[in-house]
Amino acid sequence: MAVIVKYVVERNGEEKMTFTSKAEADAYDKMLDMADELFSLLAESELIEDEAKQEELSLFLAQRKEEVLYALGAKRKPTPKKPKAVEPVEADDSEAA
């Protein structure tokens, strides 16, 4: 018999997602916390009256946290590293003689 450890993320008594890694479960739970905070912020704005749309948008923004931080200027985009140029190896003619 195998023992399988599962981590369940639960919100308001409702099972949201199941993970095999505690780190993944914690990251998902943190993302849901961000979505909750964003939902409250969107509700205050009165720009979107439909609660379902507010929830959808808050979840979208929370899932794309990195891009939102870049857009807000709170975080810099990583600069792509240029591959190092490989210098050609010259053949040593003195050994061939």
N, C-alpha and C. Protein backbone atom coordinates (compact mmCIF):
# COMPACT_ATOMS: atom_id res chain seq x y z
N MET A 1 0.85 -1.17 0.00
CA MET A 1 0.00 0.00 0.00
C MET A 1 0.89 1.24 0.00
N ALA A 2 0.58 2.18 -0.87
CA ALA A 2 1.35 3.41 -0.97
C ALA A 2 0.70 4.51 -0.15
N VAL A 3 1.55 5.34 0.41
CA VAL A 3 1.07 6.51 1.14
C VAL A 3 1.34 7.72 0.26
N ILE A 4 0.29 8.48 0.01
CA ILE A 4 0.40 9.66 -0.84
C ILE A 4 0.01 10.87 -0.02
N VAL A 5 0.91 11.83 0.03
CA VAL A 5 0.65 13.07 0.75
C VAL A 5 0.08 14.08 -0.24
N LYS A 6 -1.04 14.68 0.13
CA LYS A 6 -1.67 15.69 -0.71
C LYS A 6 -1.91 16.93 0.13
N TYR A 7 -1.69 18.07 -0.50
CA TYR A 7 -1.93 19.36 0.14
C TYR A 7 -3.13 19.99 -0.54
N VAL A 8 -4.14 20.29 0.26
CA VAL A 8 -5.39 20.82 -0.26
C VAL A 8 -5.51 22.29 0.13
N VAL A 9 -5.75 23.14 -0.86
CA VAL A 9 -6.00 24.56 -0.59
C VAL A 9 -7.51 24.71 -0.50
N GLU A 10 -7.95 25.25 0.64
CA GLU A 10 -9.37 25.38 0.91
C GLU A 10 -9.68 26.83 1.25
N ARG A 11 -10.77 27.34 0.70
CA ARG A 11 -11.23 28.69 0.97
C ARG A 11 -12.69 28.66 1.34
N ASN A 12 -13.03 29.22 2.47
CA ASN A 12 -14.43 29.29 2.93
C ASN A 12 -15.11 27.93 2.88
N GLY A 13 -14.39 26.90 3.29
CA GLY A 13 -14.95 25.56 3.33
C GLY A 13 -15.03 24.87 1.97
N GLU A 14 -14.53 25.52 0.94
CA GLU A 14 -14.58 24.95 -0.42
C GLU A 14 -13.18 24.56 -0.86
N GLU A 15 -13.04 23.33 -1.32
CA GLU A 15 -11.75 22.85 -1.81
C GLU A 15 -11.46 23.49 -3.16
N LYS A 16 -10.33 24.21 -3.23
CA LYS A 16 -9.98 24.92 -4.46
C LYS A 16 -9.06 24.11 -5.35
N MET A 17 -8.01 23.51 -4.76
CA MET A 17 -7.03 22.80 -5.56
C MET A 17 -6.24 21.85 -4.66
N THR A 18 -5.75 20.78 -5.26
CA THR A 18 -4.96 19.79 -4.54
C THR A 18 -3.57 19.73 -5.17
N PHE A 19 -2.55 19.67 -4.33
CA PHE A 19 -1.16 19.64 -4.79
C PHE A 19 -0.41 18.50 -4.11
N THR A 20 0.67 18.08 -4.73
CA THR A 20 1.53 17.06 -4.12
C THR A 20 2.72 17.71 -3.44
N SER A 21 2.89 19.01 -3.60
CA SER A 21 4.00 19.74 -3.00
C SER A 21 3.47 20.85 -2.10
N LYS A 22 4.05 20.95 -0.91
CA LYS A 22 3.64 22.01 0.02
C LYS A 22 3.97 23.38 -0.55
N ALA A 23 5.11 23.50 -1.22
CA ALA A 23 5.51 24.79 -1.80
C ALA A 23 4.51 25.25 -2.85
N GLU A 24 4.05 24.34 -3.69
CA GLU A 24 3.05 24.69 -4.71
C GLU A 24 1.73 25.10 -4.07
N ALA A 25 1.33 24.39 -3.03
CA ALA A 25 0.09 24.71 -2.33
C ALA A 25 0.18 26.08 -1.67
N ASP A 26 1.33 26.36 -1.05
CA ASP A 26 1.53 27.67 -0.41
C ASP A 26 1.51 28.79 -1.44
N ALA A 27 2.15 28.57 -2.60
CA ALA A 27 2.18 29.58 -3.65
C ALA A 27 0.76 29.86 -4.18
N TYR A 28 -0.02 28.80 -4.35
CA TYR A 28 -1.40 28.96 -4.83
C TYR A 28 -2.24 29.70 -3.79
N ASP A 29 -2.06 29.35 -2.52
CA ASP A 29 -2.80 30.01 -1.45
C ASP A 29 -2.44 31.49 -1.39
N LYS A 30 -1.18 31.81 -1.56
CA LYS A 30 -0.73 33.21 -1.57
C LYS A 30 -1.35 33.96 -2.75
N MET A 31 -1.41 33.31 -3.91
CA MET A 31 -2.01 33.92 -5.09
C MET A 31 -3.49 34.21 -4.83
N LEU A 32 -4.19 33.30 -4.15
CA LEU A 32 -5.60 33.52 -3.82
C LEU A 32 -5.76 34.68 -2.83
N ASP A 33 -4.80 34.82 -1.90
CA ASP A 33 -4.82 35.96 -0.97
C ASP A 33 -4.71 37.27 -1.74
N MET A 34 -3.80 37.30 -2.72
CA MET A 34 -3.64 38.51 -3.55
C MET A 34 -4.92 38.81 -4.32
N ALA A 35 -5.53 37.77 -4.86
CA ALA A 35 -6.77 37.94 -5.61
C ALA A 35 -7.86 38.52 -4.71
N ASP A 36 -7.93 38.06 -3.47
CA ASP A 36 -8.92 38.60 -2.52
C ASP A 36 -8.70 40.09 -2.27
N GLU A 37 -7.43 40.48 -2.09
CA GLU A 37 -7.12 41.89 -1.86
C GLU A 37 -7.43 42.73 -3.10
N LEU A 38 -7.10 42.21 -4.27
CA LEU A 38 -7.40 42.92 -5.51
C LEU A 38 -8.91 43.05 -5.72
N PHE A 39 -9.65 42.01 -5.34
CA PHE A 39 -11.11 42.05 -5.45
C PHE A 39 -11.67 43.19 -4.60
N SER A 40 -11.16 43.33 -3.38
CA SER A 40 -11.61 44.42 -2.50
C SER A 40 -11.30 45.78 -3.11
N LEU A 41 -10.13 45.89 -3.70
CA LEU A 41 -9.72 47.14 -4.34
C LEU A 41 -10.62 47.46 -5.53
N LEU A 42 -10.90 46.46 -6.35
CA LEU A 42 -11.78 46.66 -7.50
C LEU A 42 -13.20 47.01 -7.08
N ALA A 43 -13.67 46.42 -6.00
CA ALA A 43 -15.01 46.70 -5.50
C ALA A 43 -15.13 48.15 -5.06
N GLU A 44 -14.06 48.70 -4.48
CA GLU A 44 -14.06 50.10 -4.04
C GLU A 44 -14.12 51.06 -5.22
N SER A 45 -13.58 50.65 -6.36
CA SER A 45 -13.48 51.56 -7.49
C SER A 45 -14.82 51.83 -8.16
N GLU A 46 -15.75 50.93 -8.10
CA GLU A 46 -17.06 51.02 -8.74
C GLU A 46 -16.96 51.12 -10.27
N LEU A 47 -15.80 50.79 -10.83
CA LEU A 47 -15.63 50.80 -12.28
C LEU A 47 -16.27 49.57 -12.92
N ILE A 48 -16.22 48.48 -12.18
CA ILE A 48 -16.82 47.23 -12.67
C ILE A 48 -17.88 46.84 -11.65
N GLU A 49 -19.13 46.90 -12.05
CA GLU A 49 -20.22 46.62 -11.11
C GLU A 49 -20.50 45.13 -10.95
N ASP A 50 -20.21 44.34 -11.97
CA ASP A 50 -20.46 42.91 -11.94
C ASP A 50 -19.41 42.21 -11.07
N GLU A 51 -19.86 41.62 -9.95
CA GLU A 51 -18.95 40.96 -9.03
C GLU A 51 -18.20 39.81 -9.67
N ALA A 52 -18.84 39.09 -10.57
CA ALA A 52 -18.17 37.98 -11.25
C ALA A 52 -17.00 38.50 -12.09
N LYS A 53 -17.19 39.63 -12.75
CA LYS A 53 -16.12 40.24 -13.54
C LYS A 53 -15.00 40.76 -12.64
N GLN A 54 -15.37 41.32 -11.48
CA GLN A 54 -14.37 41.78 -10.51
C GLN A 54 -13.51 40.61 -10.05
N GLU A 55 -14.18 39.49 -9.75
CA GLU A 55 -13.46 38.31 -9.29
C GLU A 55 -12.56 37.76 -10.39
N GLU A 56 -13.08 37.73 -11.60
CA GLU A 56 -12.31 37.24 -12.75
C GLU A 56 -11.06 38.09 -12.98
N LEU A 57 -11.23 39.40 -12.94
CA LEU A 57 -10.11 40.32 -13.16
C LEU A 57 -9.10 40.24 -12.02
N SER A 58 -9.58 40.15 -10.79
CA SER A 58 -8.66 40.08 -9.65
C SER A 58 -7.84 38.79 -9.70
N LEU A 59 -8.45 37.69 -10.11
CA LEU A 59 -7.72 36.43 -10.24
C LEU A 59 -6.71 36.51 -11.39
N PHE A 60 -7.11 37.12 -12.49
CA PHE A 60 -6.21 37.31 -13.63
C PHE A 60 -4.97 38.10 -13.23
N LEU A 61 -5.18 39.21 -12.51
CA LEU A 61 -4.06 40.05 -12.09
C LEU A 61 -3.16 39.34 -11.08
N ALA A 62 -3.76 38.59 -10.17
CA ALA A 62 -2.97 37.86 -9.17
C ALA A 62 -2.14 36.76 -9.83
N GLN A 63 -2.69 36.11 -10.84
CA GLN A 63 -1.95 35.06 -11.54
C GLN A 63 -0.78 35.64 -12.33
N ARG A 64 -0.86 36.90 -12.68
CA ARG A 64 0.19 37.56 -13.46
C ARG A 64 0.89 38.63 -12.62
N LYS A 65 1.15 38.27 -11.40
CA LYS A 65 1.75 39.18 -10.42
C LYS A 65 3.03 39.84 -10.95
N GLU A 66 3.92 39.06 -11.53
CA GLU A 66 5.19 39.60 -12.02
C GLU A 66 4.97 40.69 -13.05
N GLU A 67 4.10 40.44 -14.02
CA GLU A 67 3.82 41.43 -15.06
C GLU A 67 3.19 42.69 -14.47
N VAL A 68 2.33 42.52 -13.46
CA VAL A 68 1.70 43.67 -12.81
C VAL A 68 2.76 44.50 -12.09
N LEU A 69 3.68 43.84 -11.42
CA LEU A 69 4.75 44.56 -10.73
C LEU A 69 5.64 45.32 -11.72
N TYR A 70 5.91 44.72 -12.88
CA TYR A 70 6.68 45.42 -13.92
C TYR A 70 5.90 46.64 -14.39
N ALA A 71 4.62 46.47 -14.65
CA ALA A 71 3.78 47.56 -15.15
C ALA A 71 3.70 48.72 -14.15
N LEU A 72 3.68 48.40 -12.86
CA LEU A 72 3.60 49.43 -11.83
C LEU A 72 4.95 50.06 -11.53
N GLY A 73 5.99 49.50 -12.09
CA GLY A 73 7.33 50.01 -11.84
C GLY A 73 7.90 49.57 -10.51
N ALA A 74 7.26 48.63 -9.87
CA ALA A 74 7.72 48.14 -8.57
C ALA A 74 8.85 47.12 -8.73
N LYS A 75 9.02 46.64 -9.94
CA LYS A 75 10.03 45.62 -10.20
C LYS A 75 10.54 45.83 -11.62
N ARG A 76 11.84 45.64 -11.81
CA ARG A 76 12.42 45.79 -13.14
C ARG A 76 12.39 44.46 -13.88
N LYS A 77 12.15 44.57 -15.17
CA LYS A 77 12.20 43.37 -16.00
C LYS A 77 13.64 42.89 -16.09
N PRO A 78 13.82 41.59 -16.02
CA PRO A 78 15.19 41.09 -16.15
C PRO A 78 15.69 41.32 -17.57
N THR A 79 16.93 41.75 -17.68
CA THR A 79 17.50 41.96 -19.00
C THR A 79 18.02 40.63 -19.52
N PRO A 80 17.70 40.32 -20.76
CA PRO A 80 18.18 39.04 -21.30
C PRO A 80 19.70 39.07 -21.41
N LYS A 81 20.31 37.99 -20.98
CA LYS A 81 21.76 37.90 -21.03
C LYS A 81 22.20 37.53 -22.44
N LYS A 82 23.21 38.26 -22.92
CA LYS A 82 23.73 37.98 -24.25
C LYS A 82 24.68 36.79 -24.14
N PRO A 83 24.57 35.87 -25.09
CA PRO A 83 25.48 34.73 -25.04
C PRO A 83 26.90 35.21 -25.32
N LYS A 84 27.84 34.62 -24.60
CA LYS A 84 29.24 34.99 -24.79
C LYS A 84 29.72 34.50 -26.14
N ALA A 85 30.48 35.36 -26.80
CA ALA A 85 31.04 34.97 -28.11
C ALA A 85 32.14 33.95 -27.89
N VAL A 86 32.10 32.91 -28.65
CA VAL A 86 33.11 31.87 -28.55
C VAL A 86 34.20 32.18 -29.56
N GLU A 87 35.41 32.33 -29.06
CA GLU A 87 36.53 32.62 -29.95
C GLU A 87 36.97 31.34 -30.64
N PRO A 88 37.22 31.41 -31.96
CA PRO A 88 37.66 30.21 -32.67
C PRO A 88 39.04 29.78 -32.19
N VAL A 89 39.23 28.50 -32.08
CA VAL A 89 40.50 27.94 -31.66
C VAL A 89 41.37 27.79 -32.90
N GLU A 90 42.57 28.37 -32.83
CA GLU A 90 43.49 28.29 -33.96
C GLU A 90 44.28 26.99 -33.87
N ALA A 91 44.44 26.36 -35.00
CA ALA A 91 45.20 25.12 -35.06
C ALA A 91 46.68 25.45 -34.92
N ASP A 92 47.37 24.65 -34.15
CA ASP A 92 48.79 24.85 -33.93
C ASP A 92 49.54 23.98 -34.92
N ASP A 93 50.14 24.61 -35.96
CA ASP A 93 50.81 23.88 -37.03
C ASP A 93 52.15 23.28 -36.58
N SER A 94 52.74 23.76 -35.49
CA SER A 94 54.07 23.29 -35.08
C SER A 94 54.01 21.84 -34.59
N GLU A 95 52.88 21.39 -34.08
CA GLU A 95 52.77 20.03 -33.59
C GLU A 95 52.58 19.04 -34.72
N ALA A 96 52.02 19.48 -35.83
CA ALA A 96 51.76 18.59 -36.95
C ALA A 96 53.03 18.20 -37.67
N ALA A 97 54.10 18.97 -37.58
CA ALA A 97 55.34 18.68 -38.31
C ALA A 97 56.20 17.67 -37.68
